[in-house]
Amino acid sequence: RLRGGVKLGPLTGENALAALKTAAAVTAGGAVIEKYTDLGETAITAFAKAQGELFSTNLIICLCTFCSSCLAPTFPAVKTVAVLWLLTLILNLQKDGVLGGDMKAMKKGLQKYLP
């Protein structure tokens, strides 16, 4: 239960996908508004920019999922989003030297992810 007695509900694949779609919409909407209007950034768009490539990656994955689901009516969107996020994680770990290479390079790459 959240403050005020509101239930959040179970965290399912569909709920997680809806949250990712919302974040993608905020990212795309904020970028369009900033580019084509005289309005400045908002707190939400500033937060999205501060996260680095996280929100951009999410936007690309959601757009790919949306386009693919338009082409195939029985498209497994939740599984595709999960696979694309795992692929992104693996590519980032490989880019940072965590995967592959010698132990010194792996340790150096892991420093980015350790507290």
PDB file of N, CA and C in Angstrom:
ATOM      1  N   ARG A   1       0.835  -1.181   0.000  1.00  0.00           N
ATOM      2  CA  ARG A   1       0.000   0.000   0.000  1.00  0.00           C
ATOM      3  C   ARG A   1       0.884   1.250   0.000  1.00  0.00           C
ATOM      4  N   LEU A   2       0.432   2.224  -0.750  1.00  0.00           N
ATOM      5  CA  LEU A   2       1.120   3.497  -0.788  1.00  0.00           C
ATOM      6  C   LEU A   2       0.469   4.470   0.182  1.00  0.00           C
ATOM      7  N   ARG A   3       1.064   5.611   0.308  1.00  0.00           N
ATOM      8  CA  ARG A   3       0.526   6.638   1.192  1.00  0.00           C
ATOM      9  C   ARG A   3      -0.910   6.967   0.771  1.00  0.00           C
ATOM     10  N   GLY A   4      -1.790   7.071   1.714  1.00  0.00           N
ATOM     11  CA  GLY A   4      -3.181   7.356   1.414  1.00  0.00           C
ATOM     12  C   GLY A   4      -4.000   6.107   1.171  1.00  0.00           C
ATOM     13  N   GLY A   5      -3.380   4.924   1.285  1.00  0.00           N
ATOM     14  CA  GLY A   5      -4.102   3.681   1.144  1.00  0.00           C
ATOM     15  C   GLY A   5      -4.251   3.182  -0.273  1.00  0.00           C
ATOM     16  N   VAL A   6      -3.560   3.792  -1.228  1.00  0.00           N
ATOM     17  CA  VAL A   6      -3.655   3.366  -2.612  1.00  0.00           C
ATOM     18  C   VAL A   6      -2.796   2.123  -2.811  1.00  0.00           C
ATOM     19  N   LYS A   7      -3.359   1.135  -3.498  1.00  0.00           N
ATOM     20  CA  LYS A   7      -2.601  -0.076  -3.799  1.00  0.00           C
ATOM     21  C   LYS A   7      -1.844   0.107  -5.105  1.00  0.00           C
ATOM     22  N   LEU A   8      -0.608  -0.309  -5.129  1.00  0.00           N
ATOM     23  CA  LEU A   8       0.204  -0.238  -6.337  1.00  0.00           C
ATOM     24  C   LEU A   8      -0.114  -1.399  -7.264  1.00  0.00           C
ATOM     25  N   GLY A   9      -0.464  -2.521  -6.709  1.00  0.00           N
ATOM     26  CA  GLY A   9      -0.791  -3.693  -7.524  1.00  0.00           C
ATOM     27  C   GLY A   9       0.443  -4.549  -7.767  1.00  0.00           C
ATOM     28  N   PRO A  10       0.235  -5.702  -8.370  1.00  0.00           N
ATOM     29  CA  PRO A  10       1.364  -6.602  -8.609  1.00  0.00           C
ATOM     30  C   PRO A  10       2.250  -6.071  -9.734  1.00  0.00           C
ATOM     31  N   LEU A  11       3.517  -6.347  -9.621  1.00  0.00           N
ATOM     32  CA  LEU A  11       4.463  -5.957 -10.669  1.00  0.00           C
ATOM     33  C   LEU A  11       4.529  -7.102 -11.677  1.00  0.00           C
ATOM     34  N   THR A  12       3.834  -6.930 -12.781  1.00  0.00           N
ATOM     35  CA  THR A  12       3.800  -7.942 -13.829  1.00  0.00           C
ATOM     36  C   THR A  12       4.563  -7.426 -15.035  1.00  0.00           C
ATOM     37  N   GLY A  13       4.738  -8.282 -16.010  1.00  0.00           N
ATOM     38  CA  GLY A  13       5.414  -7.884 -17.234  1.00  0.00           C
ATOM     39  C   GLY A  13       4.682  -6.766 -17.954  1.00  0.00           C
ATOM     40  N   GLU A  14       3.363  -6.843 -17.966  1.00  0.00           N
ATOM     41  CA  GLU A  14       2.560  -5.807 -18.633  1.00  0.00           C
ATOM     42  C   GLU A  14       2.670  -4.469 -17.906  1.00  0.00           C
ATOM     43  N   ASN A  15       2.689  -4.493 -16.561  1.00  0.00           N
ATOM     44  CA  ASN A  15       2.844  -3.252 -15.798  1.00  0.00           C
ATOM     45  C   ASN A  15       4.218  -2.636 -16.022  1.00  0.00           C
ATOM     46  N   ALA A  16       5.252  -3.470 -16.061  1.00  0.00           N
ATOM     47  CA  ALA A  16       6.601  -2.968 -16.313  1.00  0.00           C
ATOM     48  C   ALA A  16       6.693  -2.380 -17.713  1.00  0.00           C
ATOM     49  N   LEU A  17       6.085  -3.039 -18.682  1.00  0.00           N
ATOM     50  CA  LEU A  17       6.077  -2.526 -20.051  1.00  0.00           C
ATOM     51  C   LEU A  17       5.350  -1.186 -20.118  1.00  0.00           C
ATOM     52  N   ALA A  18       4.261  -1.046 -19.397  1.00  0.00           N
ATOM     53  CA  ALA A  18       3.540   0.228 -19.371  1.00  0.00           C
ATOM     54  C   ALA A  18       4.391   1.333 -18.766  1.00  0.00           C
ATOM     55  N   ALA A  19       5.153   1.028 -17.713  1.00  0.00           N
ATOM     56  CA  ALA A  19       6.041   2.024 -17.114  1.00  0.00           C
ATOM     57  C   ALA A  19       7.142   2.436 -18.089  1.00  0.00           C
ATOM     58  N   LEU A  20       7.708   1.470 -18.813  1.00  0.00           N
ATOM     59  CA  LEU A  20       8.732   1.790 -19.799  1.00  0.00           C
ATOM     60  C   LEU A  20       8.174   2.640 -20.935  1.00  0.00           C
ATOM     61  N   LYS A  21       6.945   2.345 -21.360  1.00  0.00           N
ATOM     62  CA  LYS A  21       6.312   3.141 -22.420  1.00  0.00           C
ATOM     63  C   LYS A  21       6.065   4.567 -21.941  1.00  0.00           C
ATOM     64  N   THR A  22       5.687   4.725 -20.690  1.00  0.00           N
ATOM     65  CA  THR A  22       5.470   6.060 -20.144  1.00  0.00           C
ATOM     66  C   THR A  22       6.770   6.849 -20.113  1.00  0.00           C
ATOM     67  N   ALA A  23       7.846   6.204 -19.678  1.00  0.00           N
ATOM     68  CA  ALA A  23       9.149   6.880 -19.664  1.00  0.00           C
ATOM     69  C   ALA A  23       9.587   7.243 -21.075  1.00  0.00           C
ATOM     70  N   ALA A  24       9.329   6.381 -22.047  1.00  0.00           N
ATOM     71  CA  ALA A  24       9.679   6.677 -23.434  1.00  0.00           C
ATOM     72  C   ALA A  24       8.867   7.853 -23.954  1.00  0.00           C
ATOM     73  N   ALA A  25       7.599   7.908 -23.609  1.00  0.00           N
ATOM     74  CA  ALA A  25       6.754   9.019 -24.053  1.00  0.00           C
ATOM     75  C   ALA A  25       7.221  10.341 -23.454  1.00  0.00           C
ATOM     76  N   VAL A  26       7.621  10.323 -22.190  1.00  0.00           N
ATOM     77  CA  VAL A  26       8.137  11.535 -21.546  1.00  0.00           C
ATOM     78  C   VAL A  26       9.427  11.982 -22.233  1.00  0.00           C
ATOM     79  N   THR A  27      10.305  11.037 -22.540  1.00  0.00           N
ATOM     80  CA  THR A  27      11.563  11.366 -23.203  1.00  0.00           C
ATOM     81  C   THR A  27      11.315  11.968 -24.578  1.00  0.00           C
ATOM     82  N   ALA A  28      10.487  11.324 -25.376  1.00  0.00           N
ATOM     83  CA  ALA A  28      10.218  11.817 -26.732  1.00  0.00           C
ATOM     84  C   ALA A  28       9.448  13.134 -26.689  1.00  0.00           C
ATOM     85  N   GLY A  29       8.456  13.204 -25.845  1.00  0.00           N
ATOM     86  CA  GLY A  29       7.670  14.436 -25.737  1.00  0.00           C
ATOM     87  C   GLY A  29       8.513  15.614 -25.289  1.00  0.00           C
ATOM     88  N   GLY A  30       9.368  15.392 -24.309  1.00  0.00           N
ATOM     89  CA  GLY A  30      10.245  16.457 -23.832  1.00  0.00           C
ATOM     90  C   GLY A  30      11.207  16.931 -24.904  1.00  0.00           C
ATOM     91  N   ALA A  31      11.754  16.001 -25.666  1.00  0.00           N
ATOM     92  CA  ALA A  31      12.685  16.369 -26.732  1.00  0.00           C
ATOM     93  C   ALA A  31      11.990  17.175 -27.823  1.00  0.00           C
ATOM     94  N   VAL A  32      10.792  16.775 -28.207  1.00  0.00           N
ATOM     95  CA  VAL A  32      10.038  17.495 -29.242  1.00  0.00           C
ATOM     96  C   VAL A  32       9.663  18.895 -28.764  1.00  0.00           C
ATOM     97  N   ILE A  33       9.197  18.987 -27.535  1.00  0.00           N
ATOM     98  CA  ILE A  33       8.800  20.290 -26.993  1.00  0.00           C
ATOM     99  C   ILE A  33       9.994  21.233 -26.909  1.00  0.00           C
ATOM    100  N   GLU A  34      11.127  20.753 -26.434  1.00  0.00           N
ATOM    101  CA  GLU A  34      12.308  21.602 -26.326  1.00  0.00           C
ATOM    102  C   GLU A  34      12.832  22.031 -27.695  1.00  0.00           C
ATOM    103  N   LYS A  35      12.753  21.154 -28.689  1.00  0.00           N
ATOM    104  CA  LYS A  35      13.300  21.466 -30.005  1.00  0.00           C
ATOM    105  C   LYS A  35      12.417  22.430 -30.791  1.00  0.00           C
ATOM    106  N   TYR A  36      11.106  22.240 -30.752  1.00  0.00           N
ATOM    107  CA  TYR A  36      10.214  22.975 -31.639  1.00  0.00           C
ATOM    108  C   TYR A  36       9.398  24.075 -30.974  1.00  0.00           C
ATOM    109  N   THR A  37       9.593  24.311 -29.695  1.00  0.00           N
ATOM    110  CA  THR A  37       8.895  25.412 -29.023  1.00  0.00           C
ATOM    111  C   THR A  37       9.919  26.251 -28.284  1.00  0.00           C
ATOM    112  N   ASP A  38       9.476  27.351 -27.762  1.00  0.00           N
ATOM    113  CA  ASP A  38      10.365  28.221 -26.988  1.00  0.00           C
ATOM    114  C   ASP A  38      10.344  27.877 -25.510  1.00  0.00           C
ATOM    115  N   LEU A  39       9.719  26.776 -25.180  1.00  0.00           N
ATOM    116  CA  LEU A  39       9.661  26.362 -23.782  1.00  0.00           C
ATOM    117  C   LEU A  39      10.979  25.707 -23.380  1.00  0.00           C
ATOM    118  N   GLY A  40      11.397  25.952 -22.169  1.00  0.00           N
ATOM    119  CA  GLY A  40      12.617  25.334 -21.666  1.00  0.00           C
ATOM    120  C   GLY A  40      12.352  23.931 -21.159  1.00  0.00           C
ATOM    121  N   GLU A  41      13.384  23.346 -20.567  1.00  0.00           N
ATOM    122  CA  GLU A  41      13.213  21.998 -20.051  1.00  0.00           C
ATOM    123  C   GLU A  41      12.437  22.020 -18.742  1.00  0.00           C
ATOM    124  N   THR A  42      11.782  20.934 -18.471  1.00  0.00           N
ATOM    125  CA  THR A  42      11.043  20.782 -17.220  1.00  0.00           C
ATOM    126  C   THR A  42      11.849  19.892 -16.286  1.00  0.00           C
ATOM    127  N   ALA A  43      11.361  19.716 -15.085  1.00  0.00           N
ATOM    128  CA  ALA A  43      12.055  18.859 -14.118  1.00  0.00           C
ATOM    129  C   ALA A  43      12.125  17.420 -14.624  1.00  0.00           C
ATOM    130  N   ILE A  44      11.058  16.976 -15.295  1.00  0.00           N
ATOM    131  CA  ILE A  44      11.033  15.597 -15.786  1.00  0.00           C
ATOM    132  C   ILE A  44      12.033  15.406 -16.921  1.00  0.00           C
ATOM    133  N   THR A  45      12.064  16.349 -17.876  1.00  0.00           N
ATOM    134  CA  THR A  45      13.005  16.196 -18.993  1.00  0.00           C
ATOM    135  C   THR A  45      14.443  16.378 -18.532  1.00  0.00           C
ATOM    136  N   ALA A  46      14.662  17.226 -17.550  1.00  0.00           N
ATOM    137  CA  ALA A  46      16.012  17.382 -16.998  1.00  0.00           C
ATOM    138  C   ALA A  46      16.467  16.082 -16.337  1.00  0.00           C
ATOM    139  N   PHE A  47      15.547  15.425 -15.621  1.00  0.00           N
ATOM    140  CA  PHE A  47      15.864  14.136 -15.000  1.00  0.00           C
ATOM    141  C   PHE A  47      16.206  13.099 -16.069  1.00  0.00           C
ATOM    142  N   ALA A  48      15.415  13.076 -17.154  1.00  0.00           N
ATOM    143  CA  ALA A  48      15.659  12.112 -18.227  1.00  0.00           C
ATOM    144  C   ALA A  48      17.015  12.346 -18.876  1.00  0.00           C
ATOM    145  N   LYS A  49      17.389  13.614 -19.070  1.00  0.00           N
ATOM    146  CA  LYS A  49      18.694  13.921 -19.665  1.00  0.00           C
ATOM    147  C   LYS A  49      19.842  13.521 -18.740  1.00  0.00           C
ATOM    148  N   ALA A  50      19.637  13.690 -17.443  1.00  0.00           N
ATOM    149  CA  ALA A  50      20.692  13.391 -16.479  1.00  0.00           C
ATOM    150  C   ALA A  50      20.991  11.899 -16.373  1.00  0.00           C
ATOM    151  N   GLN A  51      20.090  11.055 -16.850  1.00  0.00           N
ATOM    152  CA  GLN A  51      20.280   9.611 -16.739  1.00  0.00           C
ATOM    153  C   GLN A  51      21.178   9.054 -17.835  1.00  0.00           C
ATOM    154  N   GLY A  52      21.697   9.899 -18.703  1.00  0.00           N
ATOM    155  CA  GLY A  52      22.568   9.419 -19.769  1.00  0.00           C
ATOM    156  C   GLY A  52      21.779   8.683 -20.828  1.00  0.00           C
ATOM    157  N   GLU A  53      22.301   7.552 -21.243  1.00  0.00           N
ATOM    158  CA  GLU A  53      21.653   6.824 -22.335  1.00  0.00           C
ATOM    159  C   GLU A  53      20.499   5.943 -21.893  1.00  0.00           C
ATOM    160  N   LEU A  54      20.205   5.890 -20.612  1.00  0.00           N
ATOM    161  CA  LEU A  54      19.139   5.027 -20.110  1.00  0.00           C
ATOM    162  C   LEU A  54      17.795   5.345 -20.754  1.00  0.00           C
ATOM    163  N   PHE A  55      17.392   6.607 -20.732  1.00  0.00           N
ATOM    164  CA  PHE A  55      16.093   6.973 -21.275  1.00  0.00           C
ATOM    165  C   PHE A  55      16.093   6.922 -22.792  1.00  0.00           C
ATOM    166  N   SER A  56      17.215   7.249 -23.432  1.00  0.00           N
ATOM    167  CA  SER A  56      17.293   7.148 -24.894  1.00  0.00           C
ATOM    168  C   SER A  56      17.178   5.699 -25.336  1.00  0.00           C
ATOM    169  N   THR A  57      17.859   4.810 -24.630  1.00  0.00           N
ATOM    170  CA  THR A  57      17.776   3.380 -24.935  1.00  0.00           C
ATOM    171  C   THR A  57      16.348   2.888 -24.771  1.00  0.00           C
ATOM    172  N   ASN A  58      15.705   3.307 -23.687  1.00  0.00           N
ATOM    173  CA  ASN A  58      14.322   2.907 -23.448  1.00  0.00           C
ATOM    174  C   ASN A  58      13.411   3.400 -24.569  1.00  0.00           C
ATOM    175  N   LEU A  59      13.627   4.625 -25.032  1.00  0.00           N
ATOM    176  CA  LEU A  59      12.807   5.167 -26.114  1.00  0.00           C
ATOM    177  C   LEU A  59      12.980   4.346 -27.387  1.00  0.00           C
ATOM    178  N   ILE A  60      14.203   4.018 -27.725  1.00  0.00           N
ATOM    179  CA  ILE A  60      14.466   3.226 -28.933  1.00  0.00           C
ATOM    180  C   ILE A  60      13.831   1.841 -28.822  1.00  0.00           C
ATOM    181  N   ILE A  61      13.970   1.195 -27.671  1.00  0.00           N
ATOM    182  CA  ILE A  61      13.383  -0.134 -27.476  1.00  0.00           C
ATOM    183  C   ILE A  61      11.859  -0.072 -27.576  1.00  0.00           C
ATOM    184  N   CYS A  62      11.239   0.930 -26.967  1.00  0.00           N
ATOM    185  CA  CYS A  62       9.773   1.036 -27.026  1.00  0.00           C
ATOM    186  C   CYS A  62       9.298   1.319 -28.447  1.00  0.00           C
ATOM    187  N   LEU A  63      10.028   2.154 -29.189  1.00  0.00           N
ATOM    188  CA  LEU A  63       9.638   2.421 -30.572  1.00  0.00           C
ATOM    189  C   LEU A  63       9.781   1.170 -31.433  1.00  0.00           C
ATOM    190  N   CYS A  64      10.858   0.419 -31.240  1.00  0.00           N
ATOM    191  CA  CYS A  64      11.039  -0.836 -31.987  1.00  0.00           C
ATOM    192  C   CYS A  64       9.935  -1.834 -31.655  1.00  0.00           C
ATOM    193  N   THR A  65       9.594  -1.928 -30.395  1.00  0.00           N
ATOM    194  CA  THR A  65       8.536  -2.840 -29.967  1.00  0.00           C
ATOM    195  C   THR A  65       7.197  -2.425 -30.550  1.00  0.00           C
ATOM    196  N   PHE A  66       6.922  -1.118 -30.536  1.00  0.00           N
ATOM    197  CA  PHE A  66       5.657  -0.628 -31.090  1.00  0.00           C
ATOM    198  C   PHE A  66       5.562  -0.929 -32.587  1.00  0.00           C
ATOM    199  N   CYS A  67       6.624  -0.635 -33.317  1.00  0.00           N
ATOM    200  CA  CYS A  67       6.610  -0.892 -34.768  1.00  0.00           C
ATOM    201  C   CYS A  67       6.453  -2.384 -35.061  1.00  0.00           C
ATOM    202  N   SER A  68       7.143  -3.219 -34.314  1.00  0.00           N
ATOM    203  CA  SER A  68       7.054  -4.661 -34.534  1.00  0.00           C
ATOM    204  C   SER A  68       5.668  -5.197 -34.191  1.00  0.00           C
ATOM    205  N   SER A  69       5.063  -4.673 -33.148  1.00  0.00           N
ATOM    206  CA  SER A  69       3.734  -5.152 -32.766  1.00  0.00           C
ATOM    207  C   SER A  69       2.671  -4.714 -33.764  1.00  0.00           C
ATOM    208  N   CYS A  70       2.926  -3.620 -34.491  1.00  0.00           N
ATOM    209  CA  CYS A  70       1.984  -3.214 -35.550  1.00  0.00           C
ATOM    210  C   CYS A  70       2.025  -4.189 -36.719  1.00  0.00           C
ATOM    211  N   LEU A  71       3.179  -4.800 -36.948  1.00  0.00           N
ATOM    212  CA  LEU A  71       3.334  -5.711 -38.072  1.00  0.00           C
ATOM    213  C   LEU A  71       2.820  -7.118 -37.769  1.00  0.00           C
ATOM    214  N   ALA A  72       2.869  -7.515 -36.507  1.00  0.00           N
ATOM    215  CA  ALA A  72       2.438  -8.862 -36.130  1.00  0.00           C
ATOM    216  C   ALA A  72       1.463  -8.764 -34.956  1.00  0.00           C
ATOM    217  N   PRO A  73       0.223  -9.179 -35.128  1.00  0.00           N
ATOM    218  CA  PRO A  73      -0.771  -9.029 -34.053  1.00  0.00           C
ATOM    219  C   PRO A  73      -0.487  -9.880 -32.818  1.00  0.00           C
ATOM    220  N   THR A  74       0.200 -10.979 -32.954  1.00  0.00           N
ATOM    221  CA  THR A  74       0.490 -11.839 -31.798  1.00  0.00           C
ATOM    222  C   THR A  74       1.920 -11.632 -31.320  1.00  0.00           C
ATOM    223  N   PHE A  75       2.388 -10.430 -31.375  1.00  0.00           N
ATOM    224  CA  PHE A  75       3.770 -10.090 -31.032  1.00  0.00           C
ATOM    225  C   PHE A  75       3.987 -10.139 -29.518  1.00  0.00           C
ATOM    226  N   PRO A  76       5.014 -10.866 -29.033  1.00  0.00           N
ATOM    227  CA  PRO A  76       5.287 -10.933 -27.590  1.00  0.00           C
ATOM    228  C   PRO A  76       6.114  -9.725 -27.127  1.00  0.00           C
ATOM    229  N   ALA A  77       5.459  -8.606 -26.871  1.00  0.00           N
ATOM    230  CA  ALA A  77       6.149  -7.350 -26.575  1.00  0.00           C
ATOM    231  C   ALA A  77       6.998  -7.420 -25.310  1.00  0.00           C
ATOM    232  N   VAL A  78       6.475  -8.029 -24.258  1.00  0.00           N
ATOM    233  CA  VAL A  78       7.210  -8.075 -22.990  1.00  0.00           C
ATOM    234  C   VAL A  78       8.520  -8.845 -23.158  1.00  0.00           C
ATOM    235  N   LYS A  79       8.478  -9.963 -23.851  1.00  0.00           N
ATOM    236  CA  LYS A  79       9.699 -10.753 -24.061  1.00  0.00           C
ATOM    237  C   LYS A  79      10.703  -9.995 -24.916  1.00  0.00           C
ATOM    238  N   THR A  80      10.221  -9.294 -25.916  1.00  0.00           N
ATOM    239  CA  THR A  80      11.123  -8.542 -26.791  1.00  0.00           C
ATOM    240  C   THR A  80      11.797  -7.410 -26.039  1.00  0.00           C
ATOM    241  N   VAL A  81      11.054  -6.696 -25.220  1.00  0.00           N
ATOM    242  CA  VAL A  81      11.642  -5.620 -24.421  1.00  0.00           C
ATOM    243  C   VAL A  81      12.709  -6.185 -23.490  1.00  0.00           C
ATOM    244  N   ALA A  82      12.421  -7.308 -22.849  1.00  0.00           N
ATOM    245  CA  ALA A  82      13.395  -7.923 -21.948  1.00  0.00           C
ATOM    246  C   ALA A  82      14.663  -8.322 -22.690  1.00  0.00           C
ATOM    247  N   VAL A  83      14.514  -8.911 -23.856  1.00  0.00           N
ATOM    248  CA  VAL A  83      15.686  -9.326 -24.639  1.00  0.00           C
ATOM    249  C   VAL A  83      16.500  -8.113 -25.083  1.00  0.00           C
ATOM    250  N   LEU A  84      15.822  -7.052 -25.527  1.00  0.00           N
ATOM    251  CA  LEU A  84      16.548  -5.859 -25.967  1.00  0.00           C
ATOM    252  C   LEU A  84      17.272  -5.176 -24.809  1.00  0.00           C
ATOM    253  N   TRP A  85      16.670  -5.167 -23.614  1.00  0.00           N
ATOM    254  CA  TRP A  85      17.360  -4.597 -22.448  1.00  0.00           C
ATOM    255  C   TRP A  85      18.576  -5.446 -22.065  1.00  0.00           C
ATOM    256  N   LEU A  86      18.442  -6.772 -22.112  1.00  0.00           N
ATOM    257  CA  LEU A  86      19.587  -7.633 -21.812  1.00  0.00           C
ATOM    258  C   LEU A  86      20.693  -7.442 -22.839  1.00  0.00           C
ATOM    259  N   LEU A  87      20.330  -7.314 -24.107  1.00  0.00           N
ATOM    260  CA  LEU A  87      21.319  -7.062 -25.147  1.00  0.00           C
ATOM    261  C   LEU A  87      22.030  -5.736 -24.907  1.00  0.00           C
ATOM    262  N   THR A  88      21.283  -4.712 -24.514  1.00  0.00           N
ATOM    263  CA  THR A  88      21.882  -3.416 -24.197  1.00  0.00           C
ATOM    264  C   THR A  88      22.860  -3.535 -23.036  1.00  0.00           C
ATOM    265  N   LEU A  89      22.466  -4.268 -22.000  1.00  0.00           N
ATOM    266  CA  LEU A  89      23.354  -4.468 -20.851  1.00  0.00           C
ATOM    267  C   LEU A  89      24.630  -5.181 -21.255  1.00  0.00           C
ATOM    268  N   ILE A  90      24.504  -6.244 -22.040  1.00  0.00           N
ATOM    269  CA  ILE A  90      25.693  -6.989 -22.481  1.00  0.00           C
ATOM    270  C   ILE A  90      26.606  -6.115 -23.329  1.00  0.00           C
ATOM    271  N   LEU A  91      26.033  -5.344 -24.242  1.00  0.00           N
ATOM    272  CA  LEU A  91      26.856  -4.466 -25.081  1.00  0.00           C
ATOM    273  C   LEU A  91      27.559  -3.388 -24.264  1.00  0.00           C
ATOM    274  N   ASN A  92      26.868  -2.832 -23.258  1.00  0.00           N
ATOM    275  CA  ASN A  92      27.505  -1.831 -22.394  1.00  0.00           C
ATOM    276  C   ASN A  92      28.616  -2.440 -21.548  1.00  0.00           C
ATOM    277  N   LEU A  93      28.381  -3.628 -21.023  1.00  0.00           N
ATOM    278  CA  LEU A  93      29.428  -4.290 -20.239  1.00  0.00           C
ATOM    279  C   LEU A  93      30.638  -4.628 -21.106  1.00  0.00           C
ATOM    280  N   GLN A  94      30.373  -5.035 -22.334  1.00  0.00           N
ATOM    281  CA  GLN A  94      31.471  -5.345 -23.246  1.00  0.00           C
ATOM    282  C   GLN A  94      32.235  -4.075 -23.611  1.00  0.00           C
ATOM    283  N   LYS A  95      31.515  -2.985 -23.850  1.00  0.00           N
ATOM    284  CA  LYS A  95      32.145  -1.714 -24.197  1.00  0.00           C
ATOM    285  C   LYS A  95      33.023  -1.204 -23.057  1.00  0.00           C
ATOM    286  N   ASP A  96      32.580  -1.414 -21.812  1.00  0.00           N
ATOM    287  CA  ASP A  96      33.326  -0.949 -20.647  1.00  0.00           C
ATOM    288  C   ASP A  96      34.451  -1.897 -20.246  1.00  0.00           C
ATOM    289  N   GLY A  97      34.616  -2.990 -20.967  1.00  0.00           N
ATOM    290  CA  GLY A  97      35.709  -3.910 -20.682  1.00  0.00           C
ATOM    291  C   GLY A  97      35.408  -4.918 -19.597  1.00  0.00           C
ATOM    292  N   VAL A  98      34.159  -5.031 -19.172  1.00  0.00           N
ATOM    293  CA  VAL A  98      33.802  -5.997 -18.137  1.00  0.00           C
ATOM    294  C   VAL A  98      33.759  -7.400 -18.725  1.00  0.00           C
ATOM    295  N   LEU A  99      33.237  -7.532 -19.934  1.00  0.00           N
ATOM    296  CA  LEU A  99      33.172  -8.832 -20.600  1.00  0.00           C
ATOM    297  C   LEU A  99      34.321  -8.954 -21.580  1.00  0.00           C
ATOM    298  N   GLY A 100      35.002 -10.060 -21.530  1.00  0.00           N
ATOM    299  CA  GLY A 100      36.117 -10.284 -22.452  1.00  0.00           C
ATOM    300  C   GLY A 100      37.378  -9.585 -21.968  1.00  0.00           C
ATOM    301  N   GLY A 101      38.473  -9.918 -22.559  1.00  0.00           N
ATOM    302  CA  GLY A 101      39.735  -9.293 -22.184  1.00  0.00           C
ATOM    303  C   GLY A 101      40.360  -9.947 -20.958  1.00  0.00           C
ATOM    304  N   ASP A 102      41.389  -9.310 -20.451  1.00  0.00           N
ATOM    305  CA  ASP A 102      42.088  -9.864 -19.294  1.00  0.00           C
ATOM    306  C   ASP A 102      41.447  -9.369 -17.993  1.00  0.00           C
ATOM    307  N   MET A 103      41.933  -9.884 -16.878  1.00  0.00           N
ATOM    308  CA  MET A 103      41.341  -9.582 -15.577  1.00  0.00           C
ATOM    309  C   MET A 103      41.509  -8.117 -15.200  1.00  0.00           C
ATOM    310  N   LYS A 104      42.638  -7.492 -15.550  1.00  0.00           N
ATOM    311  CA  LYS A 104      42.841  -6.082 -15.204  1.00  0.00           C
ATOM    312  C   LYS A 104      41.823  -5.203 -15.927  1.00  0.00           C
ATOM    313  N   ALA A 105      41.579  -5.499 -17.196  1.00  0.00           N
ATOM    314  CA  ALA A 105      40.601  -4.717 -17.962  1.00  0.00           C
ATOM    315  C   ALA A 105      39.199  -4.921 -17.404  1.00  0.00           C
ATOM    316  N   MET A 106      38.888  -6.153 -17.003  1.00  0.00           N
ATOM    317  CA  MET A 106      37.572  -6.431 -16.436  1.00  0.00           C
ATOM    318  C   MET A 106      37.387  -5.691 -15.114  1.00  0.00           C
ATOM    319  N   LYS A 107      38.442  -5.685 -14.271  1.00  0.00           N
ATOM    320  CA  LYS A 107      38.354  -4.994 -12.989  1.00  0.00           C
ATOM    321  C   LYS A 107      38.174  -3.500 -13.205  1.00  0.00           C
ATOM    322  N   LYS A 108      38.884  -2.933 -14.158  1.00  0.00           N
ATOM    323  CA  LYS A 108      38.761  -1.515 -14.469  1.00  0.00           C
ATOM    324  C   LYS A 108      37.355  -1.195 -14.965  1.00  0.00           C
ATOM    325  N   GLY A 109      36.789  -2.033 -15.809  1.00  0.00           N
ATOM    326  CA  GLY A 109      35.452  -1.821 -16.317  1.00  0.00           C
ATOM    327  C   GLY A 109      34.390  -1.934 -15.219  1.00  0.00           C
ATOM    328  N   LEU A 110      34.601  -2.845 -14.268  1.00  0.00           N
ATOM    329  CA  LEU A 110      33.635  -3.027 -13.183  1.00  0.00           C
ATOM    330  C   LEU A 110      33.611  -1.858 -12.212  1.00  0.00           C
ATOM    331  N   GLN A 111      34.685  -1.096 -12.119  1.00  0.00           N
ATOM    332  CA  GLN A 111      34.742   0.021 -11.191  1.00  0.00           C
ATOM    333  C   GLN A 111      33.609   1.008 -11.432  1.00  0.00           C
ATOM    334  N   LYS A 112      33.158   1.129 -12.667  1.00  0.00           N
ATOM    335  CA  LYS A 112      32.071   2.038 -13.015  1.00  0.00           C
ATOM    336  C   LYS A 112      30.766   1.609 -12.331  1.00  0.00           C
ATOM    337  N   TYR A 113      30.582   0.309 -12.121  1.00  0.00           N
ATOM    338  CA  TYR A 113      29.329  -0.212 -11.607  1.00  0.00           C
ATOM    339  C   TYR A 113      29.351  -0.490 -10.101  1.00  0.00           C
ATOM    340  N   LEU A 114      30.496  -0.351  -9.477  1.00  0.00           N
ATOM    341  CA  LEU A 114      30.606  -0.614  -8.042  1.00  0.00           C
ATOM    342  C   LEU A 114      30.417   0.668  -7.249  1.00  0.00           C
ATOM    343  N   PRO A 115      29.843   0.572  -6.031  1.00  0.00           N
ATOM    344  CA  PRO A 115      29.655   1.784  -5.203  1.00  0.00           C
ATOM    345  C   PRO A 115      30.955   2.305  -4.656  1.00  0.00           C
TER     346      PRO A 115
END
